[in-house]
Structures are given as structure tokens and as C-alpha cells.
Amino acid sequence: MDKLVSKLSGGSHSKDKEGGSSNDKDYVDKGLDSIEKKFGGGRINPDDPKVRETNEKFTDGARNKFESMTGKQVPSKFSN
């Protein structure tokens, strides 16, 4: 678990808001950020650019998998 936290946080535990604005986040991104804040024990900063990039890859992969399995498009409101 510590290795995952280290990779997601990029080894930095700063509370700086360096990421993009929350306006460019869809509902899935906001939900993942909320989970990280709640269950990350303060060790994961979702606003860190490295974490943001990893989260985008994760949510994009999940969206692509959903679309390939169901054949339905996810509305952009939920995942861009």
C-alpha cells in the first residue's frame, strides 16, 4: 500500500494546489479525488500534477473498458 501511495503522490506530501482548476474535472475525476482525500490518510494530494495525470489515465482506461464492454458511450458530463 505504501508503494502505491508513494507512486500516486510522487513522493511529495505538500498541500500546494498546483493542479488545474476543478472546472476541467468531470464527475468521475471529482469522485476519485474525494475517495483519495477521504481514504488516503492525508498521504495523497489529488491536486498534485503527477497524481492528476495518473488519475486521468485510470479514469480514461475505466471509461474505455466500459464503452468496449457495453457498446454505449459514457456521457461527457460523467467522463470526458
PDB file of N, CA and C in Angstrom:
ATOM      1  N   MET A   1       0.826  -1.193   0.000  1.00  0.00           N
ATOM      2  CA  MET A   1       0.000   0.000   0.000  1.00  0.00           C
ATOM      3  C   MET A   1       0.866   1.251   0.000  1.00  0.00           C
ATOM      4  N   ASP A   2       1.966   1.231   0.769  1.00  0.00           N
ATOM      5  CA  ASP A   2       2.833   2.399   0.819  1.00  0.00           C
ATOM      6  C   ASP A   2       3.480   2.685  -0.533  1.00  0.00           C
ATOM      7  N   LYS A   3       3.788   1.613  -1.294  1.00  0.00           N
ATOM      8  CA  LYS A   3       4.362   1.816  -2.624  1.00  0.00           C
ATOM      9  C   LYS A   3       3.361   2.516  -3.536  1.00  0.00           C
ATOM     10  N   LEU A   4       2.098   2.113  -3.440  1.00  0.00           N
ATOM     11  CA  LEU A   4       1.051   2.743  -4.248  1.00  0.00           C
ATOM     12  C   LEU A   4       0.903   4.211  -3.875  1.00  0.00           C
ATOM     13  N   VAL A   5       0.871   4.484  -2.591  1.00  0.00           N
ATOM     14  CA  VAL A   5       0.734   5.867  -2.124  1.00  0.00           C
ATOM     15  C   VAL A   5       1.925   6.685  -2.590  1.00  0.00           C
ATOM     16  N   SER A   6       3.117   6.101  -2.511  1.00  0.00           N
ATOM     17  CA  SER A   6       4.314   6.803  -2.935  1.00  0.00           C
ATOM     18  C   SER A   6       4.268   7.114  -4.425  1.00  0.00           C
ATOM     19  N   LYS A   7       3.819   6.141  -5.220  1.00  0.00           N
ATOM     20  CA  LYS A   7       3.729   6.377  -6.660  1.00  0.00           C
ATOM     21  C   LYS A   7       2.678   7.416  -6.990  1.00  0.00           C
ATOM     22  N   LEU A   8       1.529   7.344  -6.333  1.00  0.00           N
ATOM     23  CA  LEU A   8       0.460   8.290  -6.615  1.00  0.00           C
ATOM     24  C   LEU A   8       0.804   9.697  -6.171  1.00  0.00           C
ATOM     25  N   SER A   9       1.499   9.798  -5.051  1.00  0.00           N
ATOM     26  CA  SER A   9       1.807  11.128  -4.533  1.00  0.00           C
ATOM     27  C   SER A   9       3.092  11.694  -5.127  1.00  0.00           C
ATOM     28  N   GLY A  10       3.840  10.882  -5.837  1.00  0.00           N
ATOM     29  CA  GLY A  10       5.088  11.359  -6.425  1.00  0.00           C
ATOM     30  C   GLY A  10       6.138  11.633  -5.384  1.00  0.00           C
ATOM     31  N   GLY A  11       5.985  11.046  -4.193  1.00  0.00           N
ATOM     32  CA  GLY A  11       6.944  11.240  -3.120  1.00  0.00           C
ATOM     33  C   GLY A  11       6.791  12.560  -2.404  1.00  0.00           C
ATOM     34  N   SER A  12       5.821  13.350  -2.770  1.00  0.00           N
ATOM     35  CA  SER A  12       5.609  14.666  -2.177  1.00  0.00           C
ATOM     36  C   SER A  12       4.308  14.664  -1.393  1.00  0.00           C
ATOM     37  N   HIS A  13       4.345  15.236  -0.204  1.00  0.00           N
ATOM     38  CA  HIS A  13       3.151  15.317   0.618  1.00  0.00           C
ATOM     39  C   HIS A  13       2.723  16.749   0.850  1.00  0.00           C
ATOM     40  N   SER A  14       3.107  17.635  -0.061  1.00  0.00           N
ATOM     41  CA  SER A  14       2.758  19.046   0.106  1.00  0.00           C
ATOM     42  C   SER A  14       1.280  19.257  -0.146  1.00  0.00           C
ATOM     43  N   LYS A  15       0.763  20.316   0.440  1.00  0.00           N
ATOM     44  CA  LYS A  15      -0.650  20.640   0.301  1.00  0.00           C
ATOM     45  C   LYS A  15      -0.874  21.745  -0.722  1.00  0.00           C
ATOM     46  N   ASP A  16       0.145  22.030  -1.558  1.00  0.00           N
ATOM     47  CA  ASP A  16       0.011  23.090  -2.559  1.00  0.00           C
ATOM     48  C   ASP A  16      -0.999  22.694  -3.608  1.00  0.00           C
ATOM     49  N   LYS A  17      -1.724  23.691  -4.097  1.00  0.00           N
ATOM     50  CA  LYS A  17      -2.711  23.476  -5.149  1.00  0.00           C
ATOM     51  C   LYS A  17      -2.051  23.815  -6.480  1.00  0.00           C
ATOM     52  N   GLU A  18      -1.323  22.859  -7.064  1.00  0.00           N
ATOM     53  CA  GLU A  18      -0.609  23.125  -8.297  1.00  0.00           C
ATOM     54  C   GLU A  18      -1.364  22.648  -9.526  1.00  0.00           C
ATOM     55  N   GLY A  19      -2.369  21.822  -9.366  1.00  0.00           N
ATOM     56  CA  GLY A  19      -3.089  21.236 -10.495  1.00  0.00           C
ATOM     57  C   GLY A  19      -3.992  22.241 -11.162  1.00  0.00           C
ATOM     58  N   GLY A  20      -4.705  21.750 -12.165  1.00  0.00           N
ATOM     59  CA  GLY A  20      -5.638  22.602 -12.883  1.00  0.00           C
ATOM     60  C   GLY A  20      -6.839  22.921 -12.016  1.00  0.00           C
ATOM     61  N   SER A  21      -7.673  23.791 -12.529  1.00  0.00           N
ATOM     62  CA  SER A  21      -8.870  24.147 -11.779  1.00  0.00           C
ATOM     63  C   SER A  21      -9.841  22.985 -11.760  1.00  0.00           C
ATOM     64  N   SER A  22     -10.737  22.983 -10.792  1.00  0.00           N
ATOM     65  CA  SER A  22     -11.689  21.884 -10.692  1.00  0.00           C
ATOM     66  C   SER A  22     -12.753  21.964 -11.783  1.00  0.00           C
ATOM     67  N   ASN A  23     -12.767  23.054 -12.558  1.00  0.00           N
ATOM     68  CA  ASN A  23     -13.754  23.192 -13.622  1.00  0.00           C
ATOM     69  C   ASN A  23     -13.523  22.201 -14.758  1.00  0.00           C
ATOM     70  N   ASP A  24     -12.273  21.726 -14.947  1.00  0.00           N
ATOM     71  CA  ASP A  24     -11.997  20.802 -16.037  1.00  0.00           C
ATOM     72  C   ASP A  24     -12.128  19.346 -15.608  1.00  0.00           C
ATOM     73  N   LYS A  25     -12.601  19.099 -14.399  1.00  0.00           N
ATOM     74  CA  LYS A  25     -12.784  17.736 -13.897  1.00  0.00           C
ATOM     75  C   LYS A  25     -14.231  17.313 -14.090  1.00  0.00           C
ATOM     76  N   ASP A  26     -14.402  16.091 -14.558  1.00  0.00           N
ATOM     77  CA  ASP A  26     -15.751  15.557 -14.685  1.00  0.00           C
ATOM     78  C   ASP A  26     -16.136  14.866 -13.373  1.00  0.00           C
ATOM     79  N   TYR A  27     -17.336  14.317 -13.332  1.00  0.00           N
ATOM     80  CA  TYR A  27     -17.833  13.697 -12.097  1.00  0.00           C
ATOM     81  C   TYR A  27     -16.972  12.525 -11.633  1.00  0.00           C
ATOM     82  N   VAL A  28     -16.463  11.735 -12.568  1.00  0.00           N
ATOM     83  CA  VAL A  28     -15.632  10.588 -12.193  1.00  0.00           C
ATOM     84  C   VAL A  28     -14.334  11.070 -11.556  1.00  0.00           C
ATOM     85  N   ASP A  29     -13.714  12.102 -12.137  1.00  0.00           N
ATOM     86  CA  ASP A  29     -12.484  12.657 -11.574  1.00  0.00           C
ATOM     87  C   ASP A  29     -12.726  13.227 -10.179  1.00  0.00           C
ATOM     88  N   LYS A  30     -13.822  13.954 -10.015  1.00  0.00           N
ATOM     89  CA  LYS A  30     -14.147  14.526  -8.707  1.00  0.00           C
ATOM     90  C   LYS A  30     -14.410  13.434  -7.677  1.00  0.00           C
ATOM     91  N   GLY A  31     -15.083  12.364  -8.105  1.00  0.00           N
ATOM     92  CA  GLY A  31     -15.351  11.243  -7.197  1.00  0.00           C
ATOM     93  C   GLY A  31     -14.068  10.562  -6.762  1.00  0.00           C
ATOM     94  N   LEU A  32     -13.154  10.340  -7.692  1.00  0.00           N
ATOM     95  CA  LEU A  32     -11.877   9.715  -7.353  1.00  0.00           C
ATOM     96  C   LEU A  32     -11.075  10.613  -6.417  1.00  0.00           C
ATOM     97  N   ASP A  33     -11.077  11.912  -6.659  1.00  0.00           N
ATOM     98  CA  ASP A  33     -10.393  12.850  -5.761  1.00  0.00           C
ATOM     99  C   ASP A  33     -10.978  12.784  -4.355  1.00  0.00           C
ATOM    100  N   SER A  34     -12.288  12.702  -4.268  1.00  0.00           N
ATOM    101  CA  SER A  34     -12.954  12.621  -2.969  1.00  0.00           C
ATOM    102  C   SER A  34     -12.555  11.353  -2.229  1.00  0.00           C
ATOM    103  N   ILE A  35     -12.501  10.242  -2.942  1.00  0.00           N
ATOM    104  CA  ILE A  35     -12.093   8.969  -2.319  1.00  0.00           C
ATOM    105  C   ILE A  35     -10.657   9.060  -1.836  1.00  0.00           C
ATOM    106  N   GLU A  36      -9.780   9.659  -2.629  1.00  0.00           N
ATOM    107  CA  GLU A  36      -8.380   9.795  -2.229  1.00  0.00           C
ATOM    108  C   GLU A  36      -8.236  10.662  -0.990  1.00  0.00           C
ATOM    109  N   LYS A  37      -9.002  11.732  -0.924  1.00  0.00           N
ATOM    110  CA  LYS A  37      -8.929  12.607   0.245  1.00  0.00           C
ATOM    111  C   LYS A  37      -9.468  11.910   1.490  1.00  0.00           C
ATOM    112  N   LYS A  38     -10.555  11.162   1.324  1.00  0.00           N
ATOM    113  CA  LYS A  38     -11.198  10.525   2.472  1.00  0.00           C
ATOM    114  C   LYS A  38     -10.408   9.332   2.986  1.00  0.00           C
ATOM    115  N   PHE A  39      -9.929   8.483   2.085  1.00  0.00           N
ATOM    116  CA  PHE A  39      -9.290   7.242   2.492  1.00  0.00           C
ATOM    117  C   PHE A  39      -7.777   7.242   2.323  1.00  0.00           C
ATOM    118  N   GLY A  40      -7.207   8.319   1.814  1.00  0.00           N
ATOM    119  CA  GLY A  40      -5.767   8.386   1.599  1.00  0.00           C
ATOM    120  C   GLY A  40      -4.978   8.719   2.842  1.00  0.00           C
ATOM    121  N   GLY A  41      -5.652   9.030   3.933  1.00  0.00           N
ATOM    122  CA  GLY A  41      -4.955   9.345   5.176  1.00  0.00           C
ATOM    123  C   GLY A  41      -4.084  10.582   5.077  1.00  0.00           C
ATOM    124  N   GLY A  42      -4.397  11.494   4.168  1.00  0.00           N
ATOM    125  CA  GLY A  42      -3.608  12.713   4.018  1.00  0.00           C
ATOM    126  C   GLY A  42      -2.318  12.510   3.253  1.00  0.00           C
ATOM    127  N   ARG A  43      -2.067  11.282   2.798  1.00  0.00           N
ATOM    128  CA  ARG A  43      -0.817  10.991   2.090  1.00  0.00           C
ATOM    129  C   ARG A  43      -0.947  11.194   0.586  1.00  0.00           C
ATOM    130  N   ILE A  44      -2.173  11.317   0.082  1.00  0.00           N
ATOM    131  CA  ILE A  44      -2.382  11.509  -1.350  1.00  0.00           C
ATOM    132  C   ILE A  44      -2.974  12.894  -1.568  1.00  0.00           C
ATOM    133  N   ASN A  45      -2.290  13.693  -2.370  1.00  0.00           N
ATOM    134  CA  ASN A  45      -2.781  15.022  -2.717  1.00  0.00           C
ATOM    135  C   ASN A  45      -3.313  14.974  -4.146  1.00  0.00           C
ATOM    136  N   PRO A  46      -4.645  14.901  -4.334  1.00  0.00           N
ATOM    137  CA  PRO A  46      -5.195  14.778  -5.686  1.00  0.00           C
ATOM    138  C   PRO A  46      -4.909  15.971  -6.591  1.00  0.00           C
ATOM    139  N   ASP A  47      -4.457  17.085  -6.040  1.00  0.00           N
ATOM    140  CA  ASP A  47      -4.165  18.262  -6.850  1.00  0.00           C
ATOM    141  C   ASP A  47      -2.728  18.272  -7.368  1.00  0.00           C
ATOM    142  N   ASP A  48      -1.911  17.300  -6.927  1.00  0.00           N
ATOM    143  CA  ASP A  48      -0.544  17.168  -7.415  1.00  0.00           C
ATOM    144  C   ASP A  48      -0.595  16.786  -8.899  1.00  0.00           C
ATOM    145  N   PRO A  49       0.177  17.454  -9.745  1.00  0.00           N
ATOM    146  CA  PRO A  49       0.112  17.163 -11.188  1.00  0.00           C
ATOM    147  C   PRO A  49       0.379  15.695 -11.541  1.00  0.00           C
ATOM    148  N   LYS A  50       1.291  15.047 -10.825  1.00  0.00           N
ATOM    149  CA  LYS A  50       1.574  13.639 -11.112  1.00  0.00           C
ATOM    150  C   LYS A  50       0.377  12.764 -10.762  1.00  0.00           C
ATOM    151  N   VAL A  51      -0.267  13.060  -9.650  1.00  0.00           N
ATOM    152  CA  VAL A  51      -1.453  12.307  -9.243  1.00  0.00           C
ATOM    153  C   VAL A  51      -2.593  12.583 -10.221  1.00  0.00           C
ATOM    154  N   ARG A  52      -2.736  13.833 -10.628  1.00  0.00           N
ATOM    155  CA  ARG A  52      -3.785  14.210 -11.577  1.00  0.00           C
ATOM    156  C   ARG A  52      -3.625  13.431 -12.886  1.00  0.00           C
ATOM    157  N   GLU A  53      -2.373  13.328 -13.369  1.00  0.00           N
ATOM    158  CA  GLU A  53      -2.094  12.600 -14.606  1.00  0.00           C
ATOM    159  C   GLU A  53      -2.414  11.110 -14.455  1.00  0.00           C
ATOM    160  N   THR A  54      -2.020  10.532 -13.326  1.00  0.00           N
ATOM    161  CA  THR A  54      -2.311   9.119 -13.063  1.00  0.00           C
ATOM    162  C   THR A  54      -3.810   8.888 -12.965  1.00  0.00           C
ATOM    163  N   ASN A  55      -4.504   9.786 -12.293  1.00  0.00           N
ATOM    164  CA  ASN A  55      -5.960   9.658 -12.169  1.00  0.00           C
ATOM    165  C   ASN A  55      -6.638   9.757 -13.528  1.00  0.00           C
ATOM    166  N   GLU A  56      -6.165  10.652 -14.388  1.00  0.00           N
ATOM    167  CA  GLU A  56      -6.737  10.792 -15.725  1.00  0.00           C
ATOM    168  C   GLU A  56      -6.557   9.502 -16.520  1.00  0.00           C
ATOM    169  N   LYS A  57      -5.365   8.911 -16.437  1.00  0.00           N
ATOM    170  CA  LYS A  57      -5.122   7.651 -17.145  1.00  0.00           C
ATOM    171  C   LYS A  57      -6.044   6.558 -16.617  1.00  0.00           C
ATOM    172  N   PHE A  58      -6.198   6.511 -15.301  1.00  0.00           N
ATOM    173  CA  PHE A  58      -7.049   5.494 -14.678  1.00  0.00           C
ATOM    174  C   PHE A  58      -8.509   5.660 -15.096  1.00  0.00           C
ATOM    175  N   THR A  59      -9.031   6.873 -15.007  1.00  0.00           N
ATOM    176  CA  THR A  59     -10.442   7.089 -15.340  1.00  0.00           C
ATOM    177  C   THR A  59     -10.691   6.927 -16.841  1.00  0.00           C
ATOM    178  N   ASP A  60      -9.717   7.333 -17.677  1.00  0.00           N
ATOM    179  CA  ASP A  60      -9.859   7.130 -19.120  1.00  0.00           C
ATOM    180  C   ASP A  60      -9.877   5.647 -19.454  1.00  0.00           C
ATOM    181  N   GLY A  61      -9.023   4.873 -18.805  1.00  0.00           N
ATOM    182  CA  GLY A  61      -8.991   3.428 -19.020  1.00  0.00           C
ATOM    183  C   GLY A  61     -10.288   2.763 -18.596  1.00  0.00           C
ATOM    184  N   ALA A  62     -10.820   3.186 -17.458  1.00  0.00           N
ATOM    185  CA  ALA A  62     -12.087   2.632 -16.974  1.00  0.00           C
ATOM    186  C   ALA A  62     -13.228   2.988 -17.932  1.00  0.00           C
ATOM    187  N   ARG A  63     -13.230   4.214 -18.441  1.00  0.00           N
ATOM    188  CA  ARG A  63     -14.265   4.635 -19.390  1.00  0.00           C
ATOM    189  C   ARG A  63     -14.162   3.824 -20.676  1.00  0.00           C
ATOM    190  N   ASN A  64     -12.940   3.665 -21.188  1.00  0.00           N
ATOM    191  CA  ASN A  64     -12.753   2.886 -22.416  1.00  0.00           C
ATOM    192  C   ASN A  64     -13.182   1.437 -22.232  1.00  0.00           C
ATOM    193  N   LYS A  65     -12.869   0.863 -21.088  1.00  0.00           N
ATOM    194  CA  LYS A  65     -13.264  -0.519 -20.811  1.00  0.00           C
ATOM    195  C   LYS A  65     -14.784  -0.638 -20.757  1.00  0.00           C
ATOM    196  N   PHE A  66     -15.436   0.298 -20.080  1.00  0.00           N
ATOM    197  CA  PHE A  66     -16.894   0.299 -20.001  1.00  0.00           C
ATOM    198  C   PHE A  66     -17.510   0.389 -21.398  1.00  0.00           C
ATOM    199  N   GLU A  67     -16.989   1.315 -22.199  1.00  0.00           N
ATOM    200  CA  GLU A  67     -17.535   1.509 -23.541  1.00  0.00           C
ATOM    201  C   GLU A  67     -17.309   0.294 -24.432  1.00  0.00           C
ATOM    202  N   SER A  68     -16.151  -0.367 -24.292  1.00  0.00           N
ATOM    203  CA  SER A  68     -15.895  -1.541 -25.123  1.00  0.00           C
ATOM    204  C   SER A  68     -16.742  -2.734 -24.682  1.00  0.00           C
ATOM    205  N   MET A  69     -17.043  -2.839 -23.397  1.00  0.00           N
ATOM    206  CA  MET A  69     -17.831  -3.967 -22.903  1.00  0.00           C
ATOM    207  C   MET A  69     -19.327  -3.781 -23.166  1.00  0.00           C
ATOM    208  N   THR A  70     -19.814  -2.551 -23.070  1.00  0.00           N
ATOM    209  CA  THR A  70     -21.254  -2.318 -23.207  1.00  0.00           C
ATOM    210  C   THR A  70     -21.649  -1.816 -24.587  1.00  0.00           C
ATOM    211  N   GLY A  71     -20.716  -1.210 -25.299  1.00  0.00           N
ATOM    212  CA  GLY A  71     -21.035  -0.633 -26.596  1.00  0.00           C
ATOM    213  C   GLY A  71     -21.739   0.704 -26.486  1.00  0.00           C
ATOM    214  N   LYS A  72     -21.874   1.229 -25.283  1.00  0.00           N
ATOM    215  CA  LYS A  72     -22.530   2.525 -25.058  1.00  0.00           C
ATOM    216  C   LYS A  72     -21.490   3.574 -24.708  1.00  0.00           C
ATOM    217  N   GLN A  73     -21.758   4.791 -25.146  1.00  0.00           N
ATOM    218  CA  GLN A  73     -20.882   5.909 -24.823  1.00  0.00           C
ATOM    219  C   GLN A  73     -21.215   6.467 -23.441  1.00  0.00           C
ATOM    220  N   VAL A  74     -20.186   6.811 -22.685  1.00  0.00           N
ATOM    221  CA  VAL A  74     -20.374   7.457 -21.400  1.00  0.00           C
ATOM    222  C   VAL A  74     -20.612   8.937 -21.668  1.00  0.00           C
ATOM    223  N   PRO A  75     -21.658   9.534 -21.098  1.00  0.00           N
ATOM    224  CA  PRO A  75     -21.899  10.970 -21.310  1.00  0.00           C
ATOM    225  C   PRO A  75     -20.694  11.800 -20.849  1.00  0.00           C
ATOM    226  N   SER A  76     -20.367  12.853 -21.572  1.00  0.00           N
ATOM    227  CA  SER A  76     -19.202  13.676 -21.235  1.00  0.00           C
ATOM    228  C   SER A  76     -19.356  14.333 -19.876  1.00  0.00           C
ATOM    229  N   LYS A  77     -20.573  14.448 -19.401  1.00  0.00           N
ATOM    230  CA  LYS A  77     -20.825  15.008 -18.068  1.00  0.00           C
ATOM    231  C   LYS A  77     -20.161  14.134 -16.987  1.00  0.00           C
ATOM    232  N   PHE A  78     -20.122  12.831 -17.225  1.00  0.00           N
ATOM    233  CA  PHE A  78     -19.546  11.903 -16.258  1.00  0.00           C
ATOM    234  C   PHE A  78     -18.091  11.604 -16.521  1.00  0.00           C
ATOM    235  N   SER A  79     -17.683  11.581 -17.754  1.00  0.00           N
ATOM    236  CA  SER A  79     -16.290  11.302 -18.078  1.00  0.00           C
ATOM    237  C   SER A  79     -15.970  11.908 -19.424  1.00  0.00           C
ATOM    238  N   ASN A  80     -14.973  12.802 -19.433  1.00  0.00           N
ATOM    239  CA  ASN A  80     -14.648  13.476 -20.698  1.00  0.00           C
ATOM    240  C   ASN A  80     -13.637  12.750 -21.500  1.00  0.00           C
TER     241      ASN A  80
END
